[in-house]
C-alpha atoms as a PDB file:
ATOM      1  CA  MET A   1     151.969  75.804  95.292  1.00  0.00           C
ATOM      2  CA  LYS A   2     149.822  75.096  92.463  1.00  0.00           C
ATOM      3  CA  LYS A   3     148.951  71.559  93.813  1.00  0.00           C
ATOM      4  CA  ILE A   4     148.032  73.230  97.078  1.00  0.00           C
ATOM      5  CA  LEU A   5     145.741  75.710  95.235  1.00  0.00           C
ATOM      6  CA  ALA A   6     144.074  72.793  93.209  1.00  0.00           C
ATOM      7  CA  ILE A   7     143.463  70.830  96.219  1.00  0.00           C
ATOM      8  CA  LEU A   8     141.940  73.665  98.228  1.00  0.00           C
ATOM      9  CA  LEU A   9     139.675  74.510  94.799  1.00  0.00           C
ATOM     10  CA  ILE A  10     138.464  70.919  94.830  1.00  0.00           C
ATOM     11  CA  ALA A  11     137.831  70.954  98.453  1.00  0.00           C
ATOM     12  CA  THR A  12     136.033  74.263  98.186  1.00  0.00           C
ATOM     13  CA  THR A  13     133.975  72.894  95.007  1.00  0.00           C
ATOM     14  CA  ASN A  14     132.947  69.750  96.782  1.00  0.00           C
ATOM     15  CA  PHE A  15     131.676  71.587  99.982  1.00  0.00           C
ATOM     16  CA  ALA A  16     129.760  74.095  98.040  1.00  0.00           C
ATOM     17  CA  SER A  17     128.119  71.294  96.160  1.00  0.00           C
ATOM     18  CA  ALA A  18     127.309  69.555  99.462  1.00  0.00           C
ATOM     19  CA  GLN A  19     125.696  72.481 100.980  1.00  0.00           C
ATOM     20  CA  ASN A  20     123.570  73.360  97.968  1.00  0.00           C
ATOM     21  CA  LEU A  21     122.496  69.309  97.535  1.00  0.00           C
ATOM     22  CA  GLU A  22     121.319  69.623 101.422  1.00  0.00           C
ATOM     23  CA  LYS A  23     119.239  72.554 100.862  1.00  0.00           C
ATOM     24  CA  ILE A  24     118.089  70.898  97.684  1.00  0.00           C
ATOM     25  CA  ARG A  25     116.906  67.545  99.642  1.00  0.00           C
ATOM     26  CA  ASP A  26     115.724  69.752 102.663  1.00  0.00           C
ATOM     27  CA  VAL A  27     112.879  71.062  99.929  1.00  0.00           C
ATOM     28  CA  TYR A  28     112.579  68.035  97.689  1.00  0.00           C
ATOM     29  CA  PHE A  29     111.638  65.660 100.627  1.00  0.00           C
ATOM     30  CA  THR A  30     109.054  68.016 102.369  1.00  0.00           C
ATOM     31  CA  LYS A  31     105.548  66.305 102.454  1.00  0.00           C
ATOM     32  CA  ASP A  32     103.923  69.446 100.486  1.00  0.00           C
ATOM     33  CA  ILE A  33     103.429  69.036  96.917  1.00  0.00           C
ATOM     34  CA  ASN A  34     102.704  72.735  95.771  1.00  0.00           C
ATOM     35  CA  LEU A  35     103.657  75.664  93.373  1.00  0.00           C
ATOM     36  CA  SER A  36     105.580  77.018  96.217  1.00  0.00           C
ATOM     37  CA  LYS A  37     107.835  73.963  96.652  1.00  0.00           C
ATOM     38  CA  TYR A  38     108.512  73.844  93.014  1.00  0.00           C
ATOM     39  CA  GLU A  39     109.315  77.387  92.601  1.00  0.00           C
ATOM     40  CA  SER A  40     111.690  77.066  95.988  1.00  0.00           C
ATOM     41  CA  LEU A  41     113.430  74.190  94.479  1.00  0.00           C
ATOM     42  CA  ASN A  42     113.875  76.191  91.003  1.00  0.00           C
ATOM     43  CA  THR A  43     115.342  78.949  93.102  1.00  0.00           C
ATOM     44  CA  ILE A  44     117.727  76.911  94.885  1.00  0.00           C
ATOM     45  CA  ILE A  45     118.722  74.881  91.831  1.00  0.00           C
ATOM     46  CA  ASP A  46     119.232  78.111  89.831  1.00  0.00           C
ATOM     47  CA  LEU A  47     120.989  79.958  92.511  1.00  0.00           C
ATOM     48  CA  ALA A  48     123.739  77.103  93.014  1.00  0.00           C
ATOM     49  CA  GLU A  49     126.951  78.024  92.067  1.00  0.00           C
ATOM     50  CA  LEU A  50     128.382  74.389  91.355  1.00  0.00           C
ATOM     51  CA  LYS A  51     125.961  72.135  89.621  1.00  0.00           C
ATOM     52  CA  ASN A  52     126.731  68.780  89.413  1.00  0.00           C
ATOM     53  CA  ASN A  53     124.961  65.722  87.910  1.00  0.00           C
ATOM     54  CA  THR A  54     122.985  65.021  91.146  1.00  0.00           C
ATOM     55  CA  ILE A  55     121.868  68.423  91.571  1.00  0.00           C
ATOM     56  CA  ASN A  56     120.861  68.130  87.858  1.00  0.00           C
ATOM     57  CA  ALA A  57     118.394  64.909  88.429  1.00  0.00           C
ATOM     58  CA  TYR A  58     116.718  67.210  91.116  1.00  0.00           C
ATOM     59  CA  LEU A  59     115.918  69.462  88.202  1.00  0.00           C
ATOM     60  CA  GLY A  60     114.377  66.811  86.484  1.00  0.00           C
ATOM     61  CA  ALA A  61     112.528  65.362  89.628  1.00  0.00           C
ATOM     62  CA  ASN A  62     111.420  68.976  90.045  1.00  0.00           C
ATOM     63  CA  TYR A  63     109.827  68.919  86.474  1.00  0.00           C
ATOM     64  CA  LEU A  64     107.975  65.629  87.740  1.00  0.00           C
ATOM     65  CA  LEU A  65     106.790  67.154  90.631  1.00  0.00           C
ATOM     66  CA  TYR A  66     105.632  70.232  88.781  1.00  0.00           C
ATOM     67  CA  CYS A  67     103.402  67.665  86.649  1.00  0.00           C
ATOM     68  CA  LYS A  68     101.524  67.002  89.898  1.00  0.00           C
ATOM     69  CA  ILE A  69     100.453  70.492  90.532  1.00  0.00           C
ATOM     70  CA  SER A  70      99.787  71.958  86.808  1.00  0.00           C
ATOM     71  CA  LYS A  71      96.318  72.028  85.509  1.00  0.00           C
ATOM     72  CA  ASP A  72      96.937  71.806  81.704  1.00  0.00           C
ATOM     73  CA  VAL A  73      97.628  68.367  80.396  1.00  0.00           C
ATOM     74  CA  PHE A  74      99.575  69.253  77.745  1.00  0.00           C
ATOM     75  CA  GLU A  75     102.009  71.278  80.362  1.00  0.00           C
ATOM     76  CA  LYS A  76     102.180  68.245  82.513  1.00  0.00           C
ATOM     77  CA  PHE A  77     103.143  65.989  79.717  1.00  0.00           C
ATOM     78  CA  SER A  78     105.749  68.463  78.549  1.00  0.00           C
ATOM     79  CA  TYR A  79     107.136  68.544  82.265  1.00  0.00           C
ATOM     80  CA  PHE A  80     106.890  64.905  82.388  1.00  0.00           C
ATOM     81  CA  GLU A  81     108.961  64.127  79.647  1.00  0.00           C
ATOM     82  CA  LYS A  82     111.548  66.753  80.350  1.00  0.00           C
ATOM     83  CA  GLY A  83     111.858  65.745  83.573  1.00  0.00           C
ATOM     84  CA  LYS A  84     112.310  61.999  83.030  1.00  0.00           C
ATOM     85  CA  GLU A  85     114.832  62.862  80.001  1.00  0.00           C
ATOM     86  CA  ILE A  86     116.827  64.859  82.588  1.00  0.00           C
ATOM     87  CA  ILE A  87     116.887  62.085  85.169  1.00  0.00           C
ATOM     88  CA  GLU A  88     117.759  59.448  82.510  1.00  0.00           C
ATOM     89  CA  GLN A  89     120.542  61.287  81.232  1.00  0.00           C
ATOM     90  CA  ALA A  90     121.893  61.557  84.715  1.00  0.00           C
ATOM     91  CA  ILE A  91     121.766  57.953  85.173  1.00  0.00           C
ATOM     92  CA  LYS A  92     123.372  57.420  81.905  1.00  0.00           C
ATOM     93  CA  LEU A  93     126.414  59.723  82.933  1.00  0.00           C
ATOM     94  CA  GLU A  94     126.642  58.223  86.516  1.00  0.00           C
ATOM     95  CA  PRO A  95     124.958  54.715  86.552  1.00  0.00           C
ATOM     96  CA  ASP A  96     126.112  53.668  89.986  1.00  0.00           C
ATOM     97  CA  ASN A  97     124.842  56.955  91.921  1.00  0.00           C
ATOM     98  CA  ILE A  98     122.484  55.697  94.343  1.00  0.00           C
ATOM     99  CA  GLU A  99     120.913  58.997  94.995  1.00  0.00           C
ATOM    100  CA  ILE A 100     120.108  59.586  91.255  1.00  0.00           C
ATOM    101  CA  LYS A 101     118.568  56.144  91.113  1.00  0.00           C
ATOM    102  CA  PHE A 102     116.296  56.692  94.059  1.00  0.00           C
ATOM    103  CA  LEU A 103     115.207  59.643  92.462  1.00  0.00           C
ATOM    104  CA  ARG A 104     114.156  57.756  89.641  1.00  0.00           C
ATOM    105  CA  TYR A 105     112.706  54.880  91.786  1.00  0.00           C
ATOM    106  CA  ILE A 106     110.433  57.324  93.621  1.00  0.00           C
ATOM    107  CA  ASN A 107     109.187  58.879  90.560  1.00  0.00           C
ATOM    108  CA  GLN A 108     108.395  55.817  88.774  1.00  0.00           C
ATOM    109  CA  ILE A 109     106.505  54.157  91.642  1.00  0.00           C
ATOM    110  CA  ASN A 110     104.286  57.458  91.897  1.00  0.00           C
ATOM    111  CA  THR A 111     103.927  57.584  87.753  1.00  0.00           C
ATOM    112  CA  PRO A 112     100.632  56.526  86.607  1.00  0.00           C
ATOM    113  CA  TRP A 113     101.154  53.201  84.653  1.00  0.00           C
ATOM    114  CA  PHE A 114      99.602  54.961  81.263  1.00  0.00           C
ATOM    115  CA  LEU A 115     102.900  57.262  81.377  1.00  0.00           C
ATOM    116  CA  ASN A 116     104.765  53.810  80.739  1.00  0.00           C
ATOM    117  CA  TYR A 117     107.855  55.015  83.273  1.00  0.00           C
ATOM    118  CA  LYS A 118     107.805  52.150  85.609  1.00  0.00           C
ATOM    119  CA  GLN A 119     110.344  49.980  83.671  1.00  0.00           C
ATOM    120  CA  ASN A 120     113.219  50.328  86.156  1.00  0.00           C
ATOM    121  CA  ILE A 121     111.455  49.779  89.534  1.00  0.00           C
ATOM    122  CA  LYS A 122     112.774  46.422  90.171  1.00  0.00           C
ATOM    123  CA  ASP A 123     116.193  46.969  89.009  1.00  0.00           C
ATOM    124  CA  ASP A 124     116.604  50.186  90.890  1.00  0.00           C
ATOM    125  CA  TYR A 125     115.026  48.771  94.192  1.00  0.00           C
ATOM    126  CA  GLN A 126     117.654  46.223  94.041  1.00  0.00           C
ATOM    127  CA  PHE A 127     120.546  48.336  93.186  1.00  0.00           C
ATOM    128  CA  ILE A 128     119.431  50.879  96.075  1.00  0.00           C
ATOM    129  CA  THR A 129     119.057  48.163  98.432  1.00  0.00           C
ATOM    130  CA  SER A 130     122.535  46.539  97.857  1.00  0.00           C
ATOM    131  CA  ASN A 131     124.461  49.700  97.892  1.00  0.00           C
ATOM    132  CA  LEU A 132     122.435  51.401 100.805  1.00  0.00           C
ATOM    133  CA  HIS A 133     125.542  51.028 102.783  1.00  0.00           C
ATOM    134  CA  LYS A 134     127.528  53.352 100.697  1.00  0.00           C
ATOM    135  CA  VAL A 135     125.457  56.177 101.403  1.00  0.00           C
ATOM    136  CA  LYS A 136     127.080  58.710 103.823  1.00  0.00           C
ATOM    137  CA  ASN A 137     124.572  61.133 104.236  1.00  0.00           C
ATOM    138  CA  GLN A 138     122.577  59.946 107.160  1.00  0.00           C
ATOM    139  CA  LYS A 139     119.342  61.815 106.491  1.00  0.00           C
ATOM    140  CA  LEU A 140     119.414  60.649 102.964  1.00  0.00           C
ATOM    141  CA  LYS A 141     119.813  57.023 104.006  1.00  0.00           C
ATOM    142  CA  ASN A 142     117.012  57.326 106.437  1.00  0.00           C
ATOM    143  CA  LYS A 143     114.540  58.990 103.802  1.00  0.00           C
ATOM    144  CA  ILE A 144     115.938  56.058 101.481  1.00  0.00           C
ATOM    145  CA  LEU A 145     114.826  53.586 103.972  1.00  0.00           C
ATOM    146  CA  GLN A 146     111.601  55.018 104.856  1.00  0.00           C
ATOM    147  CA  THR A 147     110.411  55.301 101.313  1.00  0.00           C
ATOM    148  CA  ILE A 148     111.552  51.321 100.668  1.00  0.00           C
ATOM    149  CA  ILE A 149     109.597  50.353 103.586  1.00  0.00           C
ATOM    150  CA  ASN A 150     106.483  52.444 102.810  1.00  0.00           C
ATOM    151  CA  TYR A 151     106.429  51.309  99.143  1.00  0.00           C
ATOM    152  CA  ASN A 152     107.083  47.351  99.885  1.00  0.00           C
END
């Protein structure tokens, strides 16, 4: 009986994480870059009952998004460092997670050169293209393909 309950708990946890992740992706990958998008993502991430490493990486990516809309230079840099640190930590925890490496990739290709956050672009591109067949979520796979085509 305990094994059945454990299996049900794991299945429920995975389902809830997948639903949260889908909402986060939908908002993150909209074309708009504005305060409303940043706040929406923060709300969805904060309300996510079950956070995992990928959701945490989206939190970091959201901080990097905020850099594009903030007017204050010091605030921009602070959010940039915080976002970068969160994404890098997520990659350390799951170095084979394609989605997290994709988040780093898209942020590095869009980061100004003077911030010195471009060192993983080639490696991430290689990893993503070599492992794209492992991505099960079709919407995410399409977004990755679209991005790779547009930036290369």
